[in-house]
Amino acid sequence: MSAILEGGTLSTSATRGELSAAAGLAEAERGLRRALAIDPRDAATVMALARVLLALGHVPQAFDAIESLVHAGVAIPNDMRLLRAQLLLAMTRFPEAVAEFRSLIDTGPTAGRAEKTSRRRSPRSARA
């Protein structure tokens, strides 16, 4: 929706495309909530729901979706931790946001991922 200043008053108007997008997001939210009713610990579905809620402007609800995993003891991936930090920032919970950002910096981009072990062949062994 876009805000328009009419006669000194702020009003909102929505184009058909914006209304259609909002309806699609609302439908996506319902579907994701149905999926989470089946498996509430599915991190990918929770992340998708948080993003949909954020797109709808529901910042606290997006944060709560992520927190549901934290409270369930599910390890959340770094991209979700980053979104969590951004949501904390948007909710003006600055100390918590800073702590989450620092934690992400300290753990690095590969934290929580399974380490890949591969043996590289040296140039000499490749010729043999």
Protein backbone atom coordinates (compact mmCIF):
# COMPACT_ATOMS: atom_id res chain seq x y z
CA MET A 1 0.00 0.00 0.00
CA SER A 2 1.20 3.45 -0.69
CA ALA A 3 0.62 6.48 1.48
CA ILE A 4 -0.82 9.59 -0.14
CA LEU A 5 -1.09 13.07 1.32
CA GLU A 6 -4.59 14.38 0.53
CA GLY A 7 -5.67 17.76 1.86
CA GLY A 8 -3.13 17.64 4.65
CA THR A 9 -4.27 14.18 5.75
CA LEU A 10 -2.33 11.01 5.29
CA SER A 11 -4.40 8.27 3.67
CA THR A 12 -3.53 4.97 2.09
CA SER A 13 -4.47 3.57 -1.26
CA ALA A 14 -3.65 0.24 -2.75
CA THR A 15 -3.25 -0.75 -6.34
CA ARG A 16 -4.77 -4.00 -7.57
CA GLY A 17 -1.29 -5.51 -7.71
CA GLU A 18 -0.62 -4.62 -4.09
CA LEU A 19 -3.96 -6.08 -3.00
CA SER A 20 -3.29 -9.23 -5.00
CA ALA A 21 0.18 -9.58 -3.47
CA ALA A 22 -1.25 -9.09 0.04
CA ALA A 23 -3.91 -11.74 -0.62
CA GLY A 24 -1.21 -14.12 -1.87
CA LEU A 25 0.88 -13.50 1.24
CA ALA A 26 -2.13 -14.10 3.49
CA GLU A 27 -2.81 -17.37 1.67
CA ALA A 28 0.85 -18.36 2.04
CA GLU A 29 0.66 -17.60 5.75
CA ARG A 30 -2.35 -19.88 6.17
CA GLY A 31 -0.64 -22.70 4.29
CA LEU A 32 2.56 -22.36 6.29
CA ARG A 33 0.64 -22.37 9.57
CA ARG A 34 -1.13 -25.59 8.47
CA ALA A 35 2.26 -27.15 7.71
CA LEU A 36 3.59 -26.07 11.11
CA ALA A 37 0.58 -27.65 12.81
CA ILE A 38 1.93 -30.95 11.45
CA ASP A 39 5.62 -30.30 12.23
CA PRO A 40 6.21 -27.22 14.41
CA ARG A 41 9.97 -27.87 14.52
CA ASP A 42 10.53 -27.55 10.75
CA ALA A 43 13.05 -24.71 10.55
CA ALA A 44 12.59 -24.10 6.81
CA THR A 45 8.83 -23.68 7.22
CA VAL A 46 9.28 -21.40 10.23
CA MET A 47 11.74 -19.28 8.23
CA ALA A 48 9.27 -19.04 5.33
CA LEU A 49 6.49 -18.05 7.73
CA ALA A 50 8.68 -15.40 9.37
CA ARG A 51 9.48 -13.91 5.97
CA VAL A 52 5.81 -13.86 4.95
CA LEU A 53 4.83 -12.23 8.24
CA LEU A 54 7.56 -9.65 7.79
CA ALA A 55 6.34 -8.89 4.27
CA LEU A 56 2.86 -8.37 5.73
CA GLY A 57 4.35 -5.95 8.26
CA HIS A 58 3.83 -8.26 11.24
CA VAL A 59 7.27 -7.88 12.80
CA PRO A 60 6.47 -9.14 16.33
CA GLN A 61 4.69 -12.20 14.92
CA ALA A 62 7.65 -12.93 12.64
CA PHE A 63 9.93 -12.76 15.66
CA ASP A 64 7.59 -15.03 17.66
CA ALA A 65 7.68 -17.62 14.89
CA ILE A 66 11.47 -17.83 15.14
CA GLU A 67 11.37 -17.80 18.93
CA SER A 68 9.06 -20.82 18.87
CA LEU A 69 12.01 -22.83 17.52
CA VAL A 70 14.41 -21.40 20.07
CA HIS A 71 12.03 -22.34 22.90
CA ALA A 72 11.61 -25.82 21.42
CA GLY A 73 15.39 -26.28 21.60
CA VAL A 74 15.87 -26.39 17.84
CA ALA A 75 19.22 -25.07 16.66
CA ILE A 76 18.48 -22.27 14.25
CA PRO A 77 20.66 -21.70 11.18
CA ASN A 78 22.65 -18.51 10.71
CA ASP A 79 20.31 -17.02 8.11
CA MET A 80 17.46 -17.34 10.61
CA ARG A 81 19.64 -15.88 13.36
CA LEU A 82 20.38 -12.93 11.09
CA LEU A 83 16.66 -12.39 10.45
CA ARG A 84 16.07 -12.68 14.21
CA ALA A 85 18.66 -9.95 14.84
CA GLN A 86 17.07 -7.73 12.20
CA LEU A 87 13.63 -8.24 13.74
CA LEU A 88 14.99 -7.36 17.18
CA LEU A 89 16.41 -4.20 15.65
CA ALA A 90 13.07 -3.35 14.02
CA MET A 91 11.36 -3.80 17.40
CA THR A 92 13.93 -1.41 18.96
CA ARG A 93 15.28 -4.14 21.22
CA PHE A 94 18.77 -2.84 20.59
CA PRO A 95 20.83 -4.65 23.27
CA GLU A 96 19.42 -8.03 22.19
CA ALA A 97 19.93 -7.18 18.51
CA VAL A 98 23.54 -6.17 19.11
CA ALA A 99 24.18 -9.36 21.10
CA GLU A 100 22.76 -11.49 18.27
CA PHE A 101 24.78 -9.66 15.61
CA ARG A 102 27.95 -10.07 17.70
CA SER A 103 27.23 -13.75 18.20
CA LEU A 104 26.85 -14.17 14.44
CA ILE A 105 30.14 -12.40 13.84
CA ASP A 106 31.90 -14.52 16.47
CA THR A 107 30.63 -17.83 15.14
CA GLY A 108 31.32 -17.07 11.50
CA PRO A 109 29.42 -18.06 8.38
CA THR A 110 29.97 -21.81 8.67
CA ALA A 111 28.83 -22.31 12.26
CA GLY A 112 26.29 -25.05 12.60
CA ARG A 113 27.06 -26.56 9.21
CA ALA A 114 28.48 -29.99 8.77
CA GLU A 115 32.10 -29.75 7.81
CA LYS A 116 32.88 -31.14 4.39
CA THR A 117 35.98 -33.21 4.29
CA SER A 118 37.47 -33.82 0.94
CA ARG A 119 40.92 -34.86 -0.03
CA ARG A 120 42.42 -32.76 -2.72
CA ARG A 121 44.73 -34.48 -5.01
CA SER A 122 48.06 -32.86 -5.30
CA PRO A 123 49.24 -31.99 -8.82
CA ARG A 124 51.83 -34.76 -8.63
CA SER A 125 49.35 -37.47 -7.66
CA ALA A 126 47.01 -36.33 -10.41
CA ARG A 127 49.64 -37.14 -13.01
CA ALA A 128 50.41 -40.60 -11.63
